[in-house]
């Protein structure tokens, strides 16, 4: 599996994580299943320390450290909300611009919730001819998202709670819409991508900004429904 490297020095590495790749090993994976920290370790020949989370189904920018000290410094930046994260998502409807601030579940199969804050701005909306149940001419929007917190499935939970389900979300989303879009476009993925990450280098103390291009599946799906109209 190819993993694009956006930056690398003796202290850390920044990559564009592919979809459907876990960041680290868990108990539910086969012994030989690939995961990001192992693959990056194989590529670099170094021990890899995880710094922050990105869901297996989410693609985009991630920073990883080559030492526990650097990982600790970076983790503190995330905890202190000193890191700027920008995501892109394709969602149902047109949420406009605003902030979601409802509490979200902290993990699967629990009822415990924690505060979470998600800022969003709609970049583009296309009206489709999709109709099901009581819905007609369903709109799809490309949305820029800036989370302040980093809870479990925070963005997926927030958009689903407000009925702007992220396309391709098989856990919290609109399953009927997902099936229709998959049948129309033959694109199978969660339409959530970590597009930008800005942090301070723990050693040089310089601001670092890395971007990962919008996956082609996003524009392919938007263009399909533009032409379909």
C-alpha atoms as a PDB file:
ATOM      1  CA  UNK A   1       0.000   0.000   0.000  1.00  0.00           C
ATOM      2  CA  UNK A   2       1.427   3.369  -1.024  1.00  0.00           C
ATOM      3  CA  UNK A   3       1.453   6.062   1.671  1.00  0.00           C
ATOM      4  CA  UNK A   4       2.326   9.550   0.373  1.00  0.00           C
ATOM      5  CA  UNK A   5       4.931  11.218   2.616  1.00  0.00           C
ATOM      6  CA  UNK A   6       4.348  14.979   2.875  1.00  0.00           C
ATOM      7  CA  UNK A   7       7.350  15.755   5.118  1.00  0.00           C
ATOM      8  CA  UNK A   8      10.022  13.896   7.034  1.00  0.00           C
ATOM      9  CA  UNK A   9      12.987  14.839   9.238  1.00  0.00           C
ATOM     10  CA  UNK A  10      14.871  13.139  12.062  1.00  0.00           C
ATOM     11  CA  UNK A  11      12.111  13.945  14.562  1.00  0.00           C
ATOM     12  CA  UNK A  12       8.766  13.359  12.826  1.00  0.00           C
ATOM     13  CA  UNK A  13       6.959  12.381   9.651  1.00  0.00           C
ATOM     14  CA  UNK A  14       3.782  13.753   8.055  1.00  0.00           C
ATOM     15  CA  UNK A  15       1.774  11.498   5.738  1.00  0.00           C
ATOM     16  CA  UNK A  16      -1.445  11.425   3.738  1.00  0.00           C
ATOM     17  CA  UNK A  17      -3.205   8.403   5.258  1.00  0.00           C
ATOM     18  CA  UNK A  18      -5.246   6.309   2.780  1.00  0.00           C
ATOM     19  CA  UNK A  19      -8.819   5.329   3.564  1.00  0.00           C
ATOM     20  CA  UNK A  20      -9.608   2.018   5.262  1.00  0.00           C
ATOM     21  CA  UNK A  21      -6.249   1.886   7.032  1.00  0.00           C
ATOM     22  CA  UNK A  22      -6.201   1.774  10.845  1.00  0.00           C
ATOM     23  CA  UNK A  23      -3.597   3.961  12.544  1.00  0.00           C
ATOM     24  CA  UNK A  24      -2.541   1.239  14.972  1.00  0.00           C
ATOM     25  CA  UNK A  25      -3.230  -2.426  15.652  1.00  0.00           C
ATOM     26  CA  UNK A  26      -6.333  -3.453  17.590  1.00  0.00           C
ATOM     27  CA  UNK A  27      -7.733  -6.712  18.920  1.00  0.00           C
ATOM     28  CA  UNK A  28     -10.287  -7.040  16.112  1.00  0.00           C
ATOM     29  CA  UNK A  29      -7.748  -7.135  13.268  1.00  0.00           C
ATOM     30  CA  UNK A  30      -6.159 -10.250  11.753  1.00  0.00           C
ATOM     31  CA  UNK A  31      -2.503 -10.695  12.753  1.00  0.00           C
ATOM     32  CA  UNK A  32      -1.270  -9.862   9.243  1.00  0.00           C
ATOM     33  CA  UNK A  33      -3.586  -6.856   8.667  1.00  0.00           C
ATOM     34  CA  UNK A  34      -1.780  -3.632   7.690  1.00  0.00           C
ATOM     35  CA  UNK A  35      -1.875  -0.558   9.905  1.00  0.00           C
ATOM     36  CA  UNK A  36      -0.288   2.860   9.537  1.00  0.00           C
ATOM     37  CA  UNK A  37       2.341   2.817  12.284  1.00  0.00           C
ATOM     38  CA  UNK A  38       3.646  -0.580  11.120  1.00  0.00           C
ATOM     39  CA  UNK A  39       3.795   0.455   7.460  1.00  0.00           C
ATOM     40  CA  UNK A  40       5.573   3.727   8.259  1.00  0.00           C
ATOM     41  CA  UNK A  41       7.973   1.804  10.495  1.00  0.00           C
ATOM     42  CA  UNK A  42       8.733  -0.557   7.614  1.00  0.00           C
ATOM     43  CA  UNK A  43       9.291   2.370   5.223  1.00  0.00           C
ATOM     44  CA  UNK A  44      11.544   4.391   7.531  1.00  0.00           C
ATOM     45  CA  UNK A  45      13.213   1.656   9.553  1.00  0.00           C
ATOM     46  CA  UNK A  46      12.313   3.575  12.712  1.00  0.00           C
ATOM     47  CA  UNK A  47      10.081   3.008  15.729  1.00  0.00           C
ATOM     48  CA  UNK A  48       6.868   5.014  15.241  1.00  0.00           C
ATOM     49  CA  UNK A  49       4.967   6.867  17.969  1.00  0.00           C
ATOM     50  CA  UNK A  50       1.344   7.830  17.378  1.00  0.00           C
ATOM     51  CA  UNK A  51       0.370  11.434  18.186  1.00  0.00           C
ATOM     52  CA  UNK A  52      -3.322  11.863  17.310  1.00  0.00           C
ATOM     53  CA  UNK A  53      -6.285   9.945  15.974  1.00  0.00           C
ATOM     54  CA  UNK A  54      -7.815   9.570  12.552  1.00  0.00           C
ATOM     55  CA  UNK A  55     -10.544   7.012  11.940  1.00  0.00           C
ATOM     56  CA  UNK A  56      -9.653   4.046   9.758  1.00  0.00           C
ATOM     57  CA  UNK A  57     -12.205   5.157   7.142  1.00  0.00           C
ATOM     58  CA  UNK A  58     -10.981   8.778   7.092  1.00  0.00           C
ATOM     59  CA  UNK A  59      -8.156   9.815   4.776  1.00  0.00           C
ATOM     60  CA  UNK A  60      -5.763  12.726   5.076  1.00  0.00           C
ATOM     61  CA  UNK A  61      -2.934  14.470   6.905  1.00  0.00           C
ATOM     62  CA  UNK A  62      -1.401  12.809   9.961  1.00  0.00           C
ATOM     63  CA  UNK A  63       1.770  13.547  11.906  1.00  0.00           C
ATOM     64  CA  UNK A  64       3.720  10.747  13.630  1.00  0.00           C
ATOM     65  CA  UNK A  65       6.829  10.957  15.802  1.00  0.00           C
ATOM     66  CA  UNK A  66      10.117   9.060  15.853  1.00  0.00           C
ATOM     67  CA  UNK A  67      10.571   9.347  19.645  1.00  0.00           C
ATOM     68  CA  UNK A  68       8.399   9.331  22.756  1.00  0.00           C
ATOM     69  CA  UNK A  69       9.652  12.834  23.652  1.00  0.00           C
ATOM     70  CA  UNK A  70       8.546  14.360  20.330  1.00  0.00           C
ATOM     71  CA  UNK A  71       5.266  12.438  20.482  1.00  0.00           C
ATOM     72  CA  UNK A  72       4.631  13.838  23.959  1.00  0.00           C
ATOM     73  CA  UNK A  73       5.297  17.419  22.834  1.00  0.00           C
ATOM     74  CA  UNK A  74       2.971  17.069  19.844  1.00  0.00           C
ATOM     75  CA  UNK A  75       0.254  15.367  21.888  1.00  0.00           C
ATOM     76  CA  UNK A  76       0.303  18.294  24.316  1.00  0.00           C
ATOM     77  CA  UNK A  77      -0.289  20.682  21.405  1.00  0.00           C
ATOM     78  CA  UNK A  78      -3.397  18.702  20.438  1.00  0.00           C
ATOM     79  CA  UNK A  79      -4.619  18.632  24.043  1.00  0.00           C
ATOM     80  CA  UNK A  80      -4.082  22.387  24.432  1.00  0.00           C
ATOM     81  CA  UNK A  81      -5.991  23.001  21.163  1.00  0.00           C
ATOM     82  CA  UNK A  82      -2.933  24.621  19.593  1.00  0.00           C
ATOM     83  CA  UNK A  83      -3.235  22.495  16.447  1.00  0.00           C
ATOM     84  CA  UNK A  84      -5.440  23.698  13.557  1.00  0.00           C
ATOM     85  CA  UNK A  85      -7.260  20.858  11.791  1.00  0.00           C
ATOM     86  CA  UNK A  86      -9.286  21.323   8.599  1.00  0.00           C
ATOM     87  CA  UNK A  87     -11.442  18.561   7.155  1.00  0.00           C
ATOM     88  CA  UNK A  88     -13.551  18.284   4.016  1.00  0.00           C
ATOM     89  CA  UNK A  89     -16.755  16.274   3.891  1.00  0.00           C
ATOM     90  CA  UNK A  90     -19.560  15.571   1.457  1.00  0.00           C
ATOM     91  CA  UNK A  91     -22.828  15.770   3.381  1.00  0.00           C
ATOM     92  CA  UNK A  92     -26.547  15.472   2.873  1.00  0.00           C
ATOM     93  CA  UNK A  93     -28.365  18.817   2.665  1.00  0.00           C
ATOM     94  CA  UNK A  94     -26.928  22.316   2.952  1.00  0.00           C
ATOM     95  CA  UNK A  95     -25.794  23.134   6.504  1.00  0.00           C
ATOM     96  CA  UNK A  96     -24.639  26.648   5.598  1.00  0.00           C
ATOM     97  CA  UNK A  97     -22.136  28.015   8.096  1.00  0.00           C
ATOM     98  CA  UNK A  98     -22.066  27.676  11.865  1.00  0.00           C
ATOM     99  CA  UNK A  99     -21.019  25.573  14.857  1.00  0.00           C
ATOM    100  CA  UNK A 100     -22.230  22.292  16.317  1.00  0.00           C
ATOM    101  CA  UNK A 101     -21.732  22.108  20.073  1.00  0.00           C
ATOM    102  CA  UNK A 102     -23.783  19.124  21.249  1.00  0.00           C
ATOM    103  CA  UNK A 103     -22.124  16.550  23.470  1.00  0.00           C
ATOM    104  CA  UNK A 104     -21.036  13.383  21.669  1.00  0.00           C
ATOM    105  CA  UNK A 105     -20.491   9.778  22.699  1.00  0.00           C
ATOM    106  CA  UNK A 106     -16.903   9.108  23.714  1.00  0.00           C
ATOM    107  CA  UNK A 107     -16.764   5.628  22.184  1.00  0.00           C
ATOM    108  CA  UNK A 108     -18.819   2.832  20.676  1.00  0.00           C
ATOM    109  CA  UNK A 109     -21.308   0.971  22.891  1.00  0.00           C
ATOM    110  CA  UNK A 110     -21.349   3.514  25.691  1.00  0.00           C
ATOM    111  CA  UNK A 111     -23.783   6.204  26.806  1.00  0.00           C
ATOM    112  CA  UNK A 112     -21.137   8.503  28.285  1.00  0.00           C
ATOM    113  CA  UNK A 113     -20.900  11.843  26.457  1.00  0.00           C
ATOM    114  CA  UNK A 114     -18.405  14.709  26.452  1.00  0.00           C
ATOM    115  CA  UNK A 115     -18.570  18.300  25.173  1.00  0.00           C
ATOM    116  CA  UNK A 116     -17.474  18.781  21.560  1.00  0.00           C
ATOM    117  CA  UNK A 117     -17.223  21.769  19.230  1.00  0.00           C
ATOM    118  CA  UNK A 118     -17.259  21.632  15.432  1.00  0.00           C
ATOM    119  CA  UNK A 119     -17.170  24.695  13.155  1.00  0.00           C
ATOM    120  CA  UNK A 120     -18.290  24.267   9.542  1.00  0.00           C
ATOM    121  CA  UNK A 121     -18.763  26.202   6.303  1.00  0.00           C
ATOM    122  CA  UNK A 122     -20.483  25.038   3.110  1.00  0.00           C
ATOM    123  CA  UNK A 123     -18.280  25.462   0.027  1.00  0.00           C
ATOM    124  CA  UNK A 124     -20.500  24.048  -2.726  1.00  0.00           C
ATOM    125  CA  UNK A 125     -23.981  22.537  -3.034  1.00  0.00           C
ATOM    126  CA  UNK A 126     -25.501  20.472  -5.816  1.00  0.00           C
ATOM    127  CA  UNK A 127     -29.201  19.585  -6.087  1.00  0.00           C
ATOM    128  CA  UNK A 128     -29.745  15.994  -7.212  1.00  0.00           C
ATOM    129  CA  UNK A 129     -32.764  14.085  -8.446  1.00  0.00           C
ATOM    130  CA  UNK A 130     -32.373  11.569  -5.623  1.00  0.00           C
ATOM    131  CA  UNK A 131     -35.719  10.797  -4.004  1.00  0.00           C
ATOM    132  CA  UNK A 132     -36.568   8.275  -1.269  1.00  0.00           C
ATOM    133  CA  UNK A 133     -38.979   8.049   1.655  1.00  0.00           C
ATOM    134  CA  UNK A 134     -40.316  11.605   2.123  1.00  0.00           C
ATOM    135  CA  UNK A 135     -37.275  13.244   0.495  1.00  0.00           C
ATOM    136  CA  UNK A 136     -37.044  14.674  -3.015  1.00  0.00           C
ATOM    137  CA  UNK A 137     -34.244  16.411  -4.932  1.00  0.00           C
ATOM    138  CA  UNK A 138     -31.762  15.712  -2.137  1.00  0.00           C
ATOM    139  CA  UNK A 139     -28.972  18.282  -1.897  1.00  0.00           C
ATOM    140  CA  UNK A 140     -25.337  17.312  -1.409  1.00  0.00           C
ATOM    141  CA  UNK A 141     -22.792  19.799  -0.052  1.00  0.00           C
ATOM    142  CA  UNK A 142     -19.028  19.968   0.108  1.00  0.00           C
ATOM    143  CA  UNK A 143     -18.278  21.312   3.586  1.00  0.00           C
ATOM    144  CA  UNK A 144     -15.111  22.618   5.240  1.00  0.00           C
ATOM    145  CA  UNK A 145     -14.906  21.595   8.903  1.00  0.00           C
ATOM    146  CA  UNK A 146     -12.706  22.907  11.729  1.00  0.00           C
ATOM    147  CA  UNK A 147     -13.082  20.887  14.938  1.00  0.00           C
ATOM    148  CA  UNK A 148     -11.925  22.386  18.225  1.00  0.00           C
ATOM    149  CA  UNK A 149     -12.075  19.070  20.059  1.00  0.00           C
ATOM    150  CA  UNK A 150     -11.130  15.559  18.949  1.00  0.00           C
ATOM    151  CA  UNK A 151     -13.736  13.146  20.264  1.00  0.00           C
ATOM    152  CA  UNK A 152     -14.505   9.669  18.911  1.00  0.00           C
ATOM    153  CA  UNK A 153     -16.320  10.043  15.549  1.00  0.00           C
ATOM    154  CA  UNK A 154     -17.020  13.669  16.551  1.00  0.00           C
ATOM    155  CA  UNK A 155     -17.615  15.008  13.052  1.00  0.00           C
ATOM    156  CA  UNK A 156     -19.675  12.012  11.998  1.00  0.00           C
ATOM    157  CA  UNK A 157     -21.793  12.241  15.161  1.00  0.00           C
ATOM    158  CA  UNK A 158     -22.330  16.000  14.931  1.00  0.00           C
ATOM    159  CA  UNK A 159     -23.417  15.989  11.293  1.00  0.00           C
ATOM    160  CA  UNK A 160     -25.657  12.938  11.765  1.00  0.00           C
ATOM    161  CA  UNK A 161     -27.314  14.463  14.855  1.00  0.00           C
ATOM    162  CA  UNK A 162     -28.205  17.526  12.788  1.00  0.00           C
ATOM    163  CA  UNK A 163     -29.400  15.457   9.809  1.00  0.00           C
ATOM    164  CA  UNK A 164     -26.555  16.504   7.537  1.00  0.00           C
ATOM    165  CA  UNK A 165     -25.214  12.965   7.375  1.00  0.00           C
ATOM    166  CA  UNK A 166     -21.728  12.502   5.935  1.00  0.00           C
ATOM    167  CA  UNK A 167     -22.017  10.456   2.747  1.00  0.00           C
ATOM    168  CA  UNK A 168     -20.639   6.941   3.102  1.00  0.00           C
ATOM    169  CA  UNK A 169     -20.910   6.898   6.905  1.00  0.00           C
ATOM    170  CA  UNK A 170     -22.056   3.348   7.615  1.00  0.00           C
ATOM    171  CA  UNK A 171     -22.087   3.824  11.387  1.00  0.00           C
ATOM    172  CA  UNK A 172     -23.973   7.068  12.050  1.00  0.00           C
ATOM    173  CA  UNK A 173     -25.193   8.074   8.589  1.00  0.00           C
ATOM    174  CA  UNK A 174     -28.148   7.680   6.216  1.00  0.00           C
ATOM    175  CA  UNK A 175     -27.893   4.095   4.988  1.00  0.00           C
ATOM    176  CA  UNK A 176     -30.468   4.488   2.210  1.00  0.00           C
ATOM    177  CA  UNK A 177     -28.732   7.540   0.761  1.00  0.00           C
ATOM    178  CA  UNK A 178     -25.386   5.735   0.958  1.00  0.00           C
ATOM    179  CA  UNK A 179     -26.783   2.823  -1.073  1.00  0.00           C
ATOM    180  CA  UNK A 180     -28.233   5.138  -3.731  1.00  0.00           C
ATOM    181  CA  UNK A 181     -25.002   7.116  -4.160  1.00  0.00           C
ATOM    182  CA  UNK A 182     -22.921   3.926  -4.255  1.00  0.00           C
ATOM    183  CA  UNK A 183     -25.200   2.478  -6.957  1.00  0.00           C
ATOM    184  CA  UNK A 184     -25.061   5.735  -8.957  1.00  0.00           C
ATOM    185  CA  UNK A 185     -21.327   6.468  -8.733  1.00  0.00           C
ATOM    186  CA  UNK A 186     -19.712   3.123  -7.799  1.00  0.00           C
ATOM    187  CA  UNK A 187     -17.667   5.082  -5.240  1.00  0.00           C
ATOM    188  CA  UNK A 188     -17.394   3.260  -1.916  1.00  0.00           C
ATOM    189  CA  UNK A 189     -15.832   5.365   0.845  1.00  0.00           C
ATOM    190  CA  UNK A 190     -16.519   7.621   3.789  1.00  0.00           C
ATOM    191  CA  UNK A 191     -16.513  11.135   2.332  1.00  0.00           C
ATOM    192  CA  UNK A 192     -14.411  12.633   5.117  1.00  0.00           C
ATOM    193  CA  UNK A 193     -10.857  13.848   4.541  1.00  0.00           C
ATOM    194  CA  UNK A 194      -8.324  15.586   6.779  1.00  0.00           C
ATOM    195  CA  UNK A 195      -7.174  18.229   4.311  1.00  0.00           C
ATOM    196  CA  UNK A 196      -4.917  20.461   6.433  1.00  0.00           C
ATOM    197  CA  UNK A 197      -2.913  20.208   9.632  1.00  0.00           C
ATOM    198  CA  UNK A 198      -1.024  23.087  11.256  1.00  0.00           C
ATOM    199  CA  UNK A 199       1.195  22.634  14.321  1.00  0.00           C
ATOM    200  CA  UNK A 200       4.447  23.908  15.826  1.00  0.00           C
ATOM    201  CA  UNK A 201       7.571  21.813  15.257  1.00  0.00           C
ATOM    202  CA  UNK A 202       8.667  20.654  18.734  1.00  0.00           C
ATOM    203  CA  UNK A 203      12.368  21.255  17.970  1.00  0.00           C
ATOM    204  CA  UNK A 204      12.585  24.204  15.552  1.00  0.00           C
ATOM    205  CA  UNK A 205       9.484  25.887  17.078  1.00  0.00           C
ATOM    206  CA  UNK A 206       8.463  26.929  13.552  1.00  0.00           C
ATOM    207  CA  UNK A 207       4.858  26.739  12.348  1.00  0.00           C
ATOM    208  CA  UNK A 208       4.237  23.767  10.070  1.00  0.00           C
ATOM    209  CA  UNK A 209       1.306  23.602   7.629  1.00  0.00           C
ATOM    210  CA  UNK A 210       0.679  20.496   5.544  1.00  0.00           C
ATOM    211  CA  UNK A 211      -2.109  19.811   3.076  1.00  0.00           C
ATOM    212  CA  UNK A 212      -3.431  16.690   1.380  1.00  0.00           C
ATOM    213  CA  UNK A 213      -5.310  17.186  -1.879  1.00  0.00           C
ATOM    214  CA  UNK A 214      -9.031  16.503  -1.961  1.00  0.00           C
ATOM    215  CA  UNK A 215      -9.535  12.861  -2.991  1.00  0.00           C
ATOM    216  CA  UNK A 216     -10.704  12.485  -6.587  1.00  0.00           C
ATOM    217  CA  UNK A 217     -13.825  10.613  -5.425  1.00  0.00           C
ATOM    218  CA  UNK A 218     -15.208  13.835  -3.933  1.00  0.00           C
ATOM    219  CA  UNK A 219     -15.210  15.795  -7.189  1.00  0.00           C
ATOM    220  CA  UNK A 220     -16.195  12.705  -9.190  1.00  0.00           C
ATOM    221  CA  UNK A 221     -19.359  12.350  -7.113  1.00  0.00           C
ATOM    222  CA  UNK A 222     -20.214  16.065  -7.249  1.00  0.00           C
ATOM    223  CA  UNK A 223     -19.612  16.152 -11.018  1.00  0.00           C
ATOM    224  CA  UNK A 224     -21.768  13.044 -11.511  1.00  0.00           C
ATOM    225  CA  UNK A 225     -24.801  14.733  -9.974  1.00  0.00           C
ATOM    226  CA  UNK A 226     -24.129  18.023 -11.768  1.00  0.00           C
ATOM    227  CA  UNK A 227     -24.184  16.160 -15.095  1.00  0.00           C
ATOM    228  CA  UNK A 228     -27.087  14.008 -13.926  1.00  0.00           C
ATOM    229  CA  UNK A 229     -29.179  17.157 -13.554  1.00  0.00           C
END
